Amino acid sequence: MATTDGLGLVVGLVVDLRDPLRLGRVKVRYPELGADVRSDWARLVTPMAGGGRGVVFRPEVGEEVVLGFLQGDPRAPYVLGGVWNDKDRPPKGDAEGRNDLRFITSRSGHVVRLDDTAGRERIEVVDRTGQCRVVIDSARKKVVVVAGAGGIELVSSTGTIRLNGKDVTIDATNTVKISGRAVDVGSTTSTKVKAGTTLSASGTQSTTIRGATVNIN
């Protein structure tokens, strides 16, 4: 039977994530009540939850959380959120107290960072190695994509990939390759093809050079 007598918020440590019903619930140990005192399966309070959708941020085993109880019933615990402590401290943020940084940091070190610093406003997504990242730079009005040794791939198996801009520049320290079933290179005014040493143009069947005036020096 539910009771509302004297049961407020309780701090506990997460000990189990293996919810048999797969509802995202966790079990929590209450250190102040004894080493073996555990909660029933506790439901997580999230900003949004629905069928096949929602915000999924489950606490890790060993993390400190705050629990509340439905109508004061100890058999109906709810995890309201996590708290930092002297052992598990928050990620490094704004040390000067301006509160310009918001971020999500995963267990392995992946980071989503929102920086509201005046003149440096940006959104960053950085992998755990720091070698791969996407930066939406609001202050400079540009987007930067950086990859490690694995490179960057843009794939559209059935659609079209377009690069549009006032100027488009492709630079490579080694080789630039363009291939396809057909390659069409054109411009509305002039087209220049230059080589620092050797320029080759060939076709396995035929090669055509056409113009009102053709100069070969």
N, C-alpha and C. Protein backbone atom coordinates (compact mmCIF):
# COMPACT_ATOMS: atom_id res chain seq x y z
N MET A 1 0.84 -1.20 0.00
CA MET A 1 0.00 0.00 0.00
C MET A 1 0.88 1.25 0.00
N ALA A 2 0.52 2.21 -0.84
CA ALA A 2 1.32 3.43 -0.96
C ALA A 2 1.25 4.25 0.31
N THR A 3 2.38 4.92 0.58
CA THR A 3 2.41 5.82 1.73
C THR A 3 3.11 7.10 1.35
N THR A 4 2.73 8.18 1.93
CA THR A 4 3.36 9.47 1.64
C THR A 4 4.09 10.03 2.86
N ASP A 5 4.27 9.17 3.87
CA ASP A 5 4.85 9.64 5.12
C ASP A 5 6.38 9.69 5.05
N GLY A 6 6.95 10.89 5.13
CA GLY A 6 8.37 11.07 5.38
C GLY A 6 9.33 10.58 4.33
N LEU A 7 8.90 10.31 3.09
CA LEU A 7 9.80 9.82 2.06
C LEU A 7 9.95 10.89 1.00
N GLY A 8 11.09 11.60 1.04
CA GLY A 8 11.34 12.64 0.06
C GLY A 8 12.29 12.15 -1.00
N LEU A 9 13.22 13.00 -1.41
CA LEU A 9 14.22 12.62 -2.40
C LEU A 9 15.33 11.82 -1.74
N VAL A 10 15.87 10.86 -2.50
CA VAL A 10 16.91 9.97 -1.99
C VAL A 10 18.05 9.93 -3.00
N VAL A 11 19.28 9.92 -2.52
CA VAL A 11 20.46 9.78 -3.38
C VAL A 11 20.91 8.33 -3.36
N GLY A 12 21.22 7.79 -4.55
CA GLY A 12 21.67 6.41 -4.64
C GLY A 12 22.70 6.23 -5.73
N LEU A 13 23.25 5.01 -5.82
CA LEU A 13 24.23 4.66 -6.84
C LEU A 13 23.64 3.60 -7.76
N VAL A 14 23.75 3.80 -9.06
CA VAL A 14 23.22 2.85 -10.03
C VAL A 14 24.03 1.56 -9.97
N VAL A 15 23.33 0.41 -9.90
CA VAL A 15 24.01 -0.88 -9.80
C VAL A 15 23.64 -1.84 -10.92
N ASP A 16 22.56 -1.58 -11.66
CA ASP A 16 22.13 -2.54 -12.68
C ASP A 16 21.36 -1.83 -13.78
N LEU A 17 21.71 -2.12 -15.04
CA LEU A 17 21.01 -1.54 -16.20
C LEU A 17 20.25 -2.60 -16.99
N ARG A 18 20.28 -3.85 -16.55
CA ARG A 18 19.72 -4.95 -17.34
C ARG A 18 18.23 -5.11 -17.06
N ASP A 19 17.46 -4.18 -17.52
CA ASP A 19 16.02 -4.18 -17.30
C ASP A 19 15.38 -5.34 -18.06
N PRO A 20 14.75 -6.29 -17.38
CA PRO A 20 14.16 -7.44 -18.07
C PRO A 20 13.03 -7.05 -19.02
N LEU A 21 12.39 -5.92 -18.78
CA LEU A 21 11.30 -5.48 -19.65
C LEU A 21 11.77 -4.51 -20.73
N ARG A 22 13.04 -4.16 -20.71
CA ARG A 22 13.64 -3.26 -21.70
C ARG A 22 12.89 -1.92 -21.77
N LEU A 23 12.63 -1.37 -20.61
CA LEU A 23 11.96 -0.07 -20.51
C LEU A 23 12.94 1.04 -20.13
N GLY A 24 14.23 0.73 -20.16
CA GLY A 24 15.22 1.74 -19.80
C GLY A 24 15.36 1.98 -18.31
N ARG A 25 14.81 1.09 -17.49
CA ARG A 25 14.86 1.26 -16.05
C ARG A 25 16.23 0.85 -15.48
N VAL A 26 16.50 1.29 -14.26
CA VAL A 26 17.75 0.94 -13.59
C VAL A 26 17.46 0.54 -12.15
N LYS A 27 18.40 -0.17 -11.58
CA LYS A 27 18.34 -0.46 -10.14
C LYS A 27 19.38 0.37 -9.42
N VAL A 28 19.04 0.80 -8.23
CA VAL A 28 19.88 1.73 -7.47
C VAL A 28 20.11 1.19 -6.07
N ARG A 29 21.33 1.37 -5.58
CA ARG A 29 21.66 1.02 -4.20
C ARG A 29 21.65 2.28 -3.35
N TYR A 30 21.14 2.14 -2.13
CA TYR A 30 21.07 3.27 -1.20
C TYR A 30 22.20 3.15 -0.17
N PRO A 31 23.33 3.81 -0.38
CA PRO A 31 24.48 3.64 0.53
C PRO A 31 24.16 3.97 1.98
N GLU A 32 23.32 4.96 2.22
CA GLU A 32 23.04 5.37 3.60
C GLU A 32 22.18 4.36 4.35
N LEU A 33 21.55 3.45 3.60
CA LEU A 33 20.68 2.47 4.25
C LEU A 33 21.34 1.11 4.39
N GLY A 34 22.55 0.96 3.84
CA GLY A 34 23.24 -0.32 3.93
C GLY A 34 23.75 -0.76 2.57
N ALA A 35 24.82 -1.57 2.58
CA ALA A 35 25.47 -1.95 1.33
C ALA A 35 24.57 -2.78 0.42
N ASP A 36 23.61 -3.51 0.99
CA ASP A 36 22.79 -4.42 0.19
C ASP A 36 21.37 -3.93 -0.03
N VAL A 37 21.07 -2.71 0.36
CA VAL A 37 19.71 -2.19 0.20
C VAL A 37 19.58 -1.59 -1.19
N ARG A 38 18.70 -2.19 -2.00
CA ARG A 38 18.54 -1.75 -3.38
C ARG A 38 17.09 -1.40 -3.67
N SER A 39 16.92 -0.59 -4.68
CA SER A 39 15.57 -0.19 -5.10
C SER A 39 14.96 -1.26 -5.98
N ASP A 40 13.65 -1.16 -6.20
CA ASP A 40 13.03 -1.89 -7.30
C ASP A 40 13.48 -1.23 -8.60
N TRP A 41 13.05 -1.78 -9.73
CA TRP A 41 13.42 -1.16 -11.01
C TRP A 41 12.85 0.25 -11.07
N ALA A 42 13.74 1.21 -11.25
CA ALA A 42 13.36 2.63 -11.23
C ALA A 42 13.23 3.16 -12.65
N ARG A 43 12.13 3.82 -12.93
CA ARG A 43 11.92 4.43 -14.24
C ARG A 43 12.71 5.74 -14.33
N LEU A 44 13.15 6.07 -15.56
CA LEU A 44 13.92 7.29 -15.79
C LEU A 44 13.00 8.42 -16.24
N VAL A 45 13.18 9.57 -15.66
CA VAL A 45 12.47 10.77 -16.11
C VAL A 45 13.33 11.44 -17.19
N THR A 46 12.79 11.62 -18.40
CA THR A 46 13.52 12.22 -19.51
C THR A 46 12.70 13.37 -20.09
N PRO A 47 13.34 14.27 -20.87
CA PRO A 47 12.59 15.37 -21.48
C PRO A 47 11.48 14.92 -22.41
N MET A 48 11.63 13.72 -23.03
CA MET A 48 10.60 13.22 -23.92
C MET A 48 10.69 11.71 -23.97
N ALA A 49 9.53 11.03 -23.95
CA ALA A 49 9.50 9.58 -24.05
C ALA A 49 8.22 9.17 -24.76
N GLY A 50 8.36 8.29 -25.75
CA GLY A 50 7.20 7.80 -26.49
C GLY A 50 7.57 6.53 -27.22
N GLY A 51 6.62 5.97 -27.95
CA GLY A 51 6.84 4.73 -28.65
C GLY A 51 7.94 4.83 -29.70
N GLY A 52 9.09 4.20 -29.44
CA GLY A 52 10.19 4.22 -30.39
C GLY A 52 10.86 5.58 -30.55
N ARG A 53 10.64 6.49 -29.63
CA ARG A 53 11.23 7.83 -29.74
C ARG A 53 11.52 8.35 -28.33
N GLY A 54 12.26 9.44 -28.28
CA GLY A 54 12.54 10.04 -26.98
C GLY A 54 14.00 10.41 -26.83
N VAL A 55 14.35 10.90 -25.66
CA VAL A 55 15.72 11.27 -25.32
C VAL A 55 16.30 10.15 -24.46
N VAL A 56 17.35 9.49 -24.96
CA VAL A 56 17.91 8.33 -24.27
C VAL A 56 19.28 8.68 -23.70
N PHE A 57 19.33 8.92 -22.41
CA PHE A 57 20.58 9.15 -21.69
C PHE A 57 20.48 8.38 -20.38
N ARG A 58 20.82 7.10 -20.42
CA ARG A 58 20.77 6.28 -19.20
C ARG A 58 22.04 6.50 -18.38
N PRO A 59 21.91 6.54 -17.08
CA PRO A 59 23.11 6.69 -16.24
C PRO A 59 23.96 5.43 -16.30
N GLU A 60 25.25 5.58 -16.03
CA GLU A 60 26.16 4.44 -16.00
C GLU A 60 26.12 3.78 -14.62
N VAL A 61 26.49 2.50 -14.59
CA VAL A 61 26.63 1.81 -13.31
C VAL A 61 27.69 2.53 -12.48
N GLY A 62 27.36 2.80 -11.23
CA GLY A 62 28.27 3.49 -10.33
C GLY A 62 28.03 4.98 -10.23
N GLU A 63 27.19 5.53 -11.11
CA GLU A 63 26.91 6.96 -11.06
C GLU A 63 25.89 7.28 -9.97
N GLU A 64 26.02 8.48 -9.44
CA GLU A 64 25.13 8.94 -8.37
C GLU A 64 23.90 9.60 -8.97
N VAL A 65 22.72 9.19 -8.51
CA VAL A 65 21.46 9.73 -9.02
C VAL A 65 20.55 10.13 -7.87
N VAL A 66 19.56 10.95 -8.21
CA VAL A 66 18.55 11.36 -7.23
C VAL A 66 17.23 10.70 -7.59
N LEU A 67 16.57 10.09 -6.61
CA LEU A 67 15.31 9.40 -6.84
C LEU A 67 14.17 10.07 -6.08
N GLY A 68 13.00 10.03 -6.71
CA GLY A 68 11.76 10.40 -6.06
C GLY A 68 10.83 9.20 -6.10
N PHE A 69 9.74 9.25 -5.36
CA PHE A 69 8.86 8.09 -5.24
C PHE A 69 7.41 8.52 -5.49
N LEU A 70 6.73 7.76 -6.34
CA LEU A 70 5.36 8.06 -6.70
C LEU A 70 4.46 7.96 -5.48
N GLN A 71 3.85 9.08 -5.09
CA GLN A 71 2.99 9.15 -3.92
C GLN A 71 3.69 8.63 -2.66
N GLY A 72 5.02 8.80 -2.63
CA GLY A 72 5.78 8.38 -1.46
C GLY A 72 5.97 6.88 -1.33
N ASP A 73 5.64 6.11 -2.37
CA ASP A 73 5.73 4.65 -2.29
C ASP A 73 7.15 4.20 -2.63
N PRO A 74 7.88 3.58 -1.71
CA PRO A 74 9.26 3.14 -1.98
C PRO A 74 9.34 2.07 -3.06
N ARG A 75 8.20 1.44 -3.39
CA ARG A 75 8.18 0.43 -4.45
C ARG A 75 8.03 1.05 -5.84
N ALA A 76 7.88 2.37 -5.90
CA ALA A 76 7.69 3.05 -7.19
C ALA A 76 8.71 4.18 -7.34
N PRO A 77 10.00 3.82 -7.48
CA PRO A 77 11.03 4.86 -7.59
C PRO A 77 11.15 5.42 -9.00
N TYR A 78 11.53 6.67 -9.09
CA TYR A 78 11.80 7.34 -10.36
C TYR A 78 13.16 8.03 -10.26
N VAL A 79 14.02 7.82 -11.26
CA VAL A 79 15.30 8.53 -11.31
C VAL A 79 15.07 9.90 -11.92
N LEU A 80 15.31 10.94 -11.15
CA LEU A 80 15.05 12.31 -11.59
C LEU A 80 16.24 12.93 -12.31
N GLY A 81 17.44 12.41 -12.05
CA GLY A 81 18.63 12.95 -12.69
C GLY A 81 19.88 12.51 -11.96
N GLY A 82 21.03 12.85 -12.54
CA GLY A 82 22.30 12.52 -11.94
C GLY A 82 22.93 13.72 -11.27
N VAL A 83 23.85 13.47 -10.36
CA VAL A 83 24.57 14.55 -9.68
C VAL A 83 26.06 14.22 -9.66
N TRP A 84 26.88 15.27 -9.77
CA TRP A 84 28.32 15.10 -9.64
C TRP A 84 28.71 15.10 -8.17
N ASN A 85 29.91 14.62 -7.90
CA ASN A 85 30.42 14.59 -6.54
C ASN A 85 31.94 14.74 -6.58
N ASP A 86 32.59 14.61 -5.42
CA ASP A 86 34.04 14.79 -5.36
C ASP A 86 34.79 13.73 -6.16
N LYS A 87 34.21 12.55 -6.30
CA LYS A 87 34.85 11.48 -7.06
C LYS A 87 34.57 11.63 -8.55
N ASP A 88 33.34 11.81 -8.91
CA ASP A 88 32.93 11.97 -10.31
C ASP A 88 32.63 13.44 -10.55
N ARG A 89 33.61 14.15 -11.06
CA ARG A 89 33.49 15.59 -11.26
C ARG A 89 33.04 15.89 -12.68
N PRO A 90 32.44 17.05 -12.90
CA PRO A 90 31.95 17.39 -14.24
C PRO A 90 33.10 17.62 -15.22
N PRO A 91 32.83 17.52 -16.54
CA PRO A 91 33.86 17.84 -17.53
C PRO A 91 34.30 19.29 -17.39
N LYS A 92 35.50 19.57 -17.87
CA LYS A 92 36.01 20.93 -17.79
C LYS A 92 35.16 21.86 -18.65
N GLY A 93 34.74 22.96 -18.06
CA GLY A 93 33.91 23.92 -18.77
C GLY A 93 34.43 25.32 -18.58
N ASP A 94 33.52 26.24 -18.35
CA ASP A 94 33.86 27.64 -18.19
C ASP A 94 34.31 27.90 -16.75
N ALA A 95 35.62 28.10 -16.56
CA ALA A 95 36.16 28.29 -15.22
C ALA A 95 35.89 29.69 -14.67
N GLU A 96 35.50 30.62 -15.53
CA GLU A 96 35.32 32.01 -15.09
C GLU A 96 33.87 32.32 -14.71
N GLY A 97 33.00 31.33 -14.80
CA GLY A 97 31.63 31.52 -14.34
C GLY A 97 30.72 32.27 -15.29
N ARG A 98 31.11 32.42 -16.55
CA ARG A 98 30.24 33.14 -17.50
C ARG A 98 29.13 32.25 -18.04
N ASN A 99 29.29 30.94 -17.87
CA ASN A 99 28.26 29.99 -18.29
C ASN A 99 28.02 30.05 -19.80
N ASP A 100 29.11 30.17 -20.56
CA ASP A 100 29.00 30.26 -22.02
C ASP A 100 28.93 28.90 -22.69
N LEU A 101 29.31 27.83 -22.00
CA LEU A 101 29.42 26.52 -22.62
C LEU A 101 28.31 25.59 -22.18
N ARG A 102 27.73 24.88 -23.15
CA ARG A 102 26.80 23.77 -22.89
C ARG A 102 27.38 22.58 -23.65
N PHE A 103 27.42 21.41 -23.03
CA PHE A 103 27.95 20.29 -23.78
C PHE A 103 27.45 18.96 -23.24
N ILE A 104 27.51 17.97 -24.11
CA ILE A 104 27.20 16.59 -23.77
C ILE A 104 28.48 15.79 -24.01
N THR A 105 28.94 15.07 -22.99
CA THR A 105 30.16 14.27 -23.11
C THR A 105 29.83 12.82 -22.79
N SER A 106 30.15 11.91 -23.70
CA SER A 106 29.85 10.50 -23.49
C SER A 106 30.95 9.82 -22.68
N ARG A 107 30.72 8.56 -22.36
CA ARG A 107 31.68 7.81 -21.55
C ARG A 107 33.05 7.72 -22.23
N SER A 108 33.09 7.50 -23.54
CA SER A 108 34.37 7.34 -24.23
C SER A 108 35.02 8.67 -24.58
N GLY A 109 34.24 9.77 -24.49
CA GLY A 109 34.82 11.09 -24.74
C GLY A 109 34.28 11.83 -25.94
N HIS A 110 33.24 11.28 -26.62
CA HIS A 110 32.59 12.04 -27.68
C HIS A 110 31.92 13.27 -27.07
N VAL A 111 31.95 14.40 -27.81
CA VAL A 111 31.45 15.66 -27.25
C VAL A 111 30.57 16.37 -28.27
N VAL A 112 29.44 16.86 -27.79
CA VAL A 112 28.64 17.85 -28.51
C VAL A 112 28.70 19.13 -27.68
N ARG A 113 29.26 20.19 -28.26
CA ARG A 113 29.52 21.41 -27.49
C ARG A 113 28.84 22.61 -28.13
N LEU A 114 28.12 23.39 -27.33
CA LEU A 114 27.51 24.63 -27.77
C LEU A 114 28.21 25.77 -27.05
N ASP A 115 28.85 26.63 -27.82
CA ASP A 115 29.65 27.72 -27.26
C ASP A 115 28.96 29.05 -27.54
N ASP A 116 28.53 29.73 -26.49
CA ASP A 116 27.86 31.02 -26.62
C ASP A 116 28.79 32.19 -26.31
N THR A 117 30.10 31.95 -26.30
CA THR A 117 31.05 33.02 -26.03
C THR A 117 30.91 34.12 -27.07
N ALA A 118 30.77 35.36 -26.65
CA ALA A 118 30.56 36.48 -27.57
C ALA A 118 31.71 36.56 -28.58
N GLY A 119 31.36 36.56 -29.86
CA GLY A 119 32.36 36.63 -30.92
C GLY A 119 32.94 35.29 -31.32
N ARG A 120 32.60 34.22 -30.57
CA ARG A 120 33.11 32.88 -30.88
C ARG A 120 31.98 31.85 -30.91
N GLU A 121 30.76 32.27 -31.16
CA GLU A 121 29.61 31.37 -31.11
C GLU A 121 29.79 30.23 -32.12
N ARG A 122 29.61 29.02 -31.63
CA ARG A 122 29.77 27.87 -32.52
C ARG A 122 29.14 26.63 -31.91
N ILE A 123 28.90 25.64 -32.77
CA ILE A 123 28.45 24.32 -32.36
C ILE A 123 29.49 23.33 -32.85
N GLU A 124 29.93 22.43 -31.98
CA GLU A 124 30.95 21.46 -32.35
C GLU A 124 30.50 20.05 -32.01
N VAL A 125 30.80 19.12 -32.91
CA VAL A 125 30.65 17.70 -32.64
C VAL A 125 32.04 17.08 -32.83
N VAL A 126 32.59 16.51 -31.76
CA VAL A 126 33.97 16.02 -31.78
C VAL A 126 33.99 14.57 -31.31
N ASP A 127 34.73 13.71 -32.04
CA ASP A 127 34.83 12.33 -31.60
C ASP A 127 35.84 12.20 -30.47
N ARG A 128 35.93 11.02 -29.90
CA ARG A 128 36.74 10.82 -28.69
C ARG A 128 38.22 11.06 -28.94
N THR A 129 38.69 10.89 -30.18
CA THR A 129 40.11 11.09 -30.48
C THR A 129 40.45 12.56 -30.70
N GLY A 130 39.43 13.38 -31.00
CA GLY A 130 39.67 14.77 -31.33
C GLY A 130 40.11 14.98 -32.76
N GLN A 131 40.26 13.88 -33.54
CA GLN A 131 40.73 13.99 -34.91
C GLN A 131 39.59 14.22 -35.90
N CYS A 132 38.40 13.83 -35.54
CA CYS A 132 37.24 14.01 -36.42
C CYS A 132 36.26 14.96 -35.76
N ARG A 133 35.86 16.00 -36.49
CA ARG A 133 34.94 16.96 -35.89
C ARG A 133 34.19 17.73 -36.97
N VAL A 134 33.03 18.22 -36.57
CA VAL A 134 32.22 19.11 -37.40
C VAL A 134 32.00 20.38 -36.59
N VAL A 135 32.30 21.52 -37.20
CA VAL A 135 32.17 22.81 -36.51
C VAL A 135 31.23 23.70 -37.31
N ILE A 136 30.15 24.12 -36.67
CA ILE A 136 29.27 25.14 -37.25
C ILE A 136 29.65 26.45 -36.59
N ASP A 137 30.39 27.26 -37.31
CA ASP A 137 30.96 28.50 -36.77
C ASP A 137 30.01 29.65 -37.07
N SER A 138 29.19 30.00 -36.10
CA SER A 138 28.22 31.07 -36.30
C SER A 138 28.90 32.43 -36.41
N ALA A 139 29.96 32.63 -35.64
CA ALA A 139 30.65 33.92 -35.63
C ALA A 139 31.26 34.23 -36.99
N ARG A 140 31.85 33.23 -37.64
CA ARG A 140 32.49 33.43 -38.94
C ARG A 140 31.62 33.00 -40.11
N LYS A 141 30.42 32.51 -39.80
CA LYS A 141 29.45 32.10 -40.82
C LYS A 141 30.03 31.04 -41.75
N LYS A 142 30.60 29.98 -41.18
CA LYS A 142 31.15 28.91 -42.00
C LYS A 142 31.00 27.58 -41.27
N VAL A 143 31.12 26.51 -42.05
CA VAL A 143 31.06 25.15 -41.52
C VAL A 143 32.37 24.45 -41.87
N VAL A 144 32.97 23.80 -40.89
CA VAL A 144 34.24 23.10 -41.08
C VAL A 144 34.05 21.63 -40.74
N VAL A 145 34.50 20.74 -41.64
CA VAL A 145 34.47 19.30 -41.40
C VAL A 145 35.90 18.80 -41.45
N VAL A 146 36.35 18.17 -40.38
CA VAL A 146 37.73 17.69 -40.28
C VAL A 146 37.70 16.19 -40.01
N ALA A 147 38.52 15.43 -40.74
CA ALA A 147 38.58 13.98 -40.56
C ALA A 147 40.01 13.55 -40.31
N GLY A 148 40.16 12.39 -39.70
CA GLY A 148 41.47 11.81 -39.47
C GLY A 148 41.93 11.04 -40.69
N ALA A 149 42.74 10.00 -40.47
CA ALA A 149 43.35 9.26 -41.57
C ALA A 149 42.32 8.54 -42.43
N GLY A 150 41.14 8.27 -41.88
CA GLY A 150 40.12 7.55 -42.64
C GLY A 150 39.48 8.36 -43.75
N GLY A 151 39.60 9.69 -43.71
CA GLY A 151 39.07 10.53 -44.78
C GLY A 151 37.61 10.87 -44.60
N ILE A 152 37.06 11.54 -45.63
CA ILE A 152 35.67 11.98 -45.65
C ILE A 152 34.98 11.38 -46.86
N GLU A 153 33.80 10.83 -46.68
CA GLU A 153 33.03 10.26 -47.79
C GLU A 153 31.67 10.93 -47.87
N LEU A 154 31.28 11.33 -49.09
CA LEU A 154 29.93 11.79 -49.38
C LEU A 154 29.32 10.76 -50.32
N VAL A 155 28.28 10.07 -49.89
CA VAL A 155 27.72 8.96 -50.65
C VAL A 155 26.24 9.20 -50.90
N SER A 156 25.83 9.09 -52.16
CA SER A 156 24.42 9.10 -52.53
C SER A 156 24.23 8.02 -53.58
N SER A 157 23.70 6.88 -53.17
CA SER A 157 23.65 5.72 -54.06
C SER A 157 22.70 5.91 -55.23
N THR A 158 21.63 6.67 -55.04
CA THR A 158 20.65 6.86 -56.12
C THR A 158 20.39 8.31 -56.45
N GLY A 159 20.86 9.23 -55.64
CA GLY A 159 20.57 10.65 -55.85
C GLY A 159 21.75 11.41 -56.41
N THR A 160 21.76 12.71 -56.19
CA THR A 160 22.77 13.61 -56.74
C THR A 160 23.48 14.34 -55.61
N ILE A 161 24.77 14.50 -55.75
CA ILE A 161 25.56 15.31 -54.82
C ILE A 161 25.96 16.58 -55.53
N ARG A 162 25.64 17.73 -54.96
CA ARG A 162 25.94 19.01 -55.58
C ARG A 162 26.82 19.85 -54.65
N LEU A 163 27.80 20.52 -55.24
CA LEU A 163 28.61 21.51 -54.54
C LEU A 163 28.36 22.84 -55.21
N ASN A 164 27.71 23.75 -54.52
CA ASN A 164 27.38 25.06 -55.09
C ASN A 164 28.03 26.16 -54.26
N GLY A 165 28.57 27.15 -54.93
CA GLY A 165 29.17 28.27 -54.22
C GLY A 165 29.66 29.31 -55.20
N LYS A 166 29.94 30.50 -54.68
CA LYS A 166 30.49 31.54 -55.54
C LYS A 166 31.78 31.06 -56.17
N ASP A 167 32.66 30.45 -55.41
CA ASP A 167 33.88 29.82 -55.91
C ASP A 167 34.00 28.46 -55.24
N VAL A 168 34.43 27.45 -55.99
CA VAL A 168 34.65 26.12 -55.46
C VAL A 168 36.11 25.75 -55.74
N THR A 169 36.85 25.44 -54.71
CA THR A 169 38.27 25.10 -54.85
C THR A 169 38.51 23.70 -54.32
N ILE A 170 39.24 22.90 -55.10
CA ILE A 170 39.63 21.56 -54.69
C ILE A 170 41.16 21.51 -54.67
N ASP A 171 41.73 21.29 -53.52
CA ASP A 171 43.19 21.21 -53.37
C ASP A 171 43.57 19.84 -52.83
N ALA A 172 44.66 19.30 -53.34
CA ALA A 172 45.18 18.03 -52.84
C ALA A 172 46.70 18.09 -52.83
N THR A 173 47.32 17.56 -51.79
CA THR A 173 48.78 17.53 -51.75
C THR A 173 49.34 16.46 -52.67
N ASN A 174 48.51 15.47 -53.04
CA ASN A 174 48.98 14.41 -53.94
C ASN A 174 48.19 14.38 -55.24
N THR A 175 47.07 13.69 -55.28
CA THR A 175 46.36 13.43 -56.53
C THR A 175 44.90 13.81 -56.42
N VAL A 176 44.36 14.40 -57.50
CA VAL A 176 42.93 14.64 -57.63
C VAL A 176 42.42 13.72 -58.74
N LYS A 177 41.45 12.88 -58.43
CA LYS A 177 40.90 11.94 -59.40
C LYS A 177 39.41 12.21 -59.60
N ILE A 178 38.99 12.27 -60.86
CA ILE A 178 37.58 12.40 -61.21
C ILE A 178 37.26 11.27 -62.18
N SER A 179 36.30 10.44 -61.87
CA SER A 179 35.96 9.32 -62.75
C SER A 179 34.45 9.12 -62.76
N GLY A 180 33.96 8.53 -63.82
CA GLY A 180 32.54 8.26 -63.94
C GLY A 180 32.25 7.65 -65.30
N ARG A 181 31.03 7.19 -65.47
CA ARG A 181 30.63 6.63 -66.77
C ARG A 181 30.79 7.68 -67.86
N ALA A 182 30.49 8.92 -67.53
CA ALA A 182 30.74 10.05 -68.42
C ALA A 182 31.15 11.24 -67.56
N VAL A 183 32.13 12.00 -68.02
CA VAL A 183 32.61 13.17 -67.30
C VAL A 183 32.41 14.39 -68.20
N ASP A 184 31.68 15.37 -67.71
CA ASP A 184 31.38 16.58 -68.49
C ASP A 184 31.95 17.78 -67.74
N VAL A 185 32.91 18.46 -68.33
CA VAL A 185 33.51 19.65 -67.74
C VAL A 185 33.23 20.82 -68.66
N GLY A 186 32.59 21.87 -68.15
CA GLY A 186 32.25 23.00 -69.00
C GLY A 186 32.17 24.28 -68.20
N SER A 187 32.13 25.40 -68.91
CA SER A 187 31.98 26.71 -68.29
C SER A 187 31.24 27.63 -69.24
N THR A 188 30.68 28.70 -68.71
CA THR A 188 29.93 29.64 -69.55
C THR A 188 30.83 30.59 -70.31
N THR A 189 32.09 30.75 -69.88
CA THR A 189 33.01 31.67 -70.58
C THR A 189 34.28 30.95 -71.02
N SER A 190 35.16 30.60 -70.11
CA SER A 190 36.42 29.99 -70.51
C SER A 190 36.77 28.83 -69.59
N THR A 191 37.55 27.90 -70.13
CA THR A 191 38.03 26.75 -69.37
C THR A 191 39.53 26.64 -69.57
N LYS A 192 40.27 26.54 -68.49
CA LYS A 192 41.72 26.42 -68.56
C LYS A 192 42.16 25.11 -67.92
N VAL A 193 43.03 24.40 -68.61
CA VAL A 193 43.65 23.20 -68.08
C VAL A 193 45.16 23.38 -68.19
N LYS A 194 45.86 23.39 -67.07
CA LYS A 194 47.31 23.62 -67.08
C LYS A 194 48.01 22.53 -66.27
N ALA A 195 49.25 22.27 -66.66
CA ALA A 195 50.07 21.31 -65.92
C ALA A 195 51.44 21.91 -65.70
N GLY A 196 52.02 21.67 -64.55
CA GLY A 196 53.34 22.20 -64.27
C GLY A 196 54.43 21.53 -65.08
N THR A 197 54.23 20.26 -65.44
CA THR A 197 55.24 19.55 -66.24
C THR A 197 54.64 18.93 -67.49
N THR A 198 53.76 17.95 -67.36
CA THR A 198 53.25 17.21 -68.51
C THR A 198 51.74 17.22 -68.52
N LEU A 199 51.15 17.43 -69.71
CA LEU A 199 49.70 17.38 -69.91
C LEU A 199 49.40 16.36 -70.99
N SER A 200 48.56 15.39 -70.68
CA SER A 200 48.19 14.35 -71.65
C SER A 200 46.70 14.35 -71.86
N ALA A 201 46.27 14.26 -73.12
CA ALA A 201 44.86 14.11 -73.47
C ALA A 201 44.76 12.98 -74.47
N SER A 202 43.97 11.96 -74.19
CA SER A 202 43.90 10.80 -75.08
C SER A 202 42.53 10.16 -75.00
N GLY A 203 42.18 9.42 -76.03
CA GLY A 203 40.95 8.65 -76.08
C GLY A 203 41.22 7.32 -76.73
N THR A 204 40.64 6.24 -76.26
CA THR A 204 40.92 4.93 -76.83
C THR A 204 40.34 4.77 -78.23
N GLN A 205 39.31 5.57 -78.57
CA GLN A 205 38.73 5.49 -79.91
C GLN A 205 39.04 6.73 -80.73
N SER A 206 38.73 7.91 -80.19
CA SER A 206 39.01 9.13 -80.95
C SER A 206 39.22 10.30 -80.00
N THR A 207 39.93 11.31 -80.47
CA THR A 207 40.15 12.54 -79.74
C THR A 207 39.81 13.71 -80.64
N THR A 208 38.92 14.58 -80.18
CA THR A 208 38.47 15.70 -81.01
C THR A 208 38.80 17.01 -80.31
N ILE A 209 39.44 17.92 -81.05
CA ILE A 209 39.69 19.28 -80.56
C ILE A 209 39.03 20.22 -81.54
N ARG A 210 38.07 21.01 -81.08
CA ARG A 210 37.28 21.83 -81.99
C ARG A 210 37.17 23.24 -81.44
N GLY A 211 37.24 24.25 -82.31
CA GLY A 211 37.07 25.63 -81.92
C GLY A 211 37.12 26.53 -83.13
N ALA A 212 36.60 27.76 -82.98
CA ALA A 212 36.68 28.70 -84.10
C ALA A 212 38.13 28.92 -84.50
N THR A 213 39.01 28.96 -83.53
CA THR A 213 40.45 29.03 -83.77
C THR A 213 41.13 28.04 -82.85
N VAL A 214 41.99 27.20 -83.38
CA VAL A 214 42.73 26.22 -82.59
C VAL A 214 44.21 26.54 -82.73
N ASN A 215 44.86 26.85 -81.63
CA ASN A 215 46.29 27.15 -81.63
C ASN A 215 47.02 26.03 -80.90
N ILE A 216 48.00 25.45 -81.55
CA ILE A 216 48.85 24.43 -80.94
C ILE A 216 50.29 24.89 -81.07
N ASN A 217 50.93 25.15 -79.96
CA ASN A 217 52.32 25.63 -80.00
C ASN A 217 53.25 24.55 -79.46
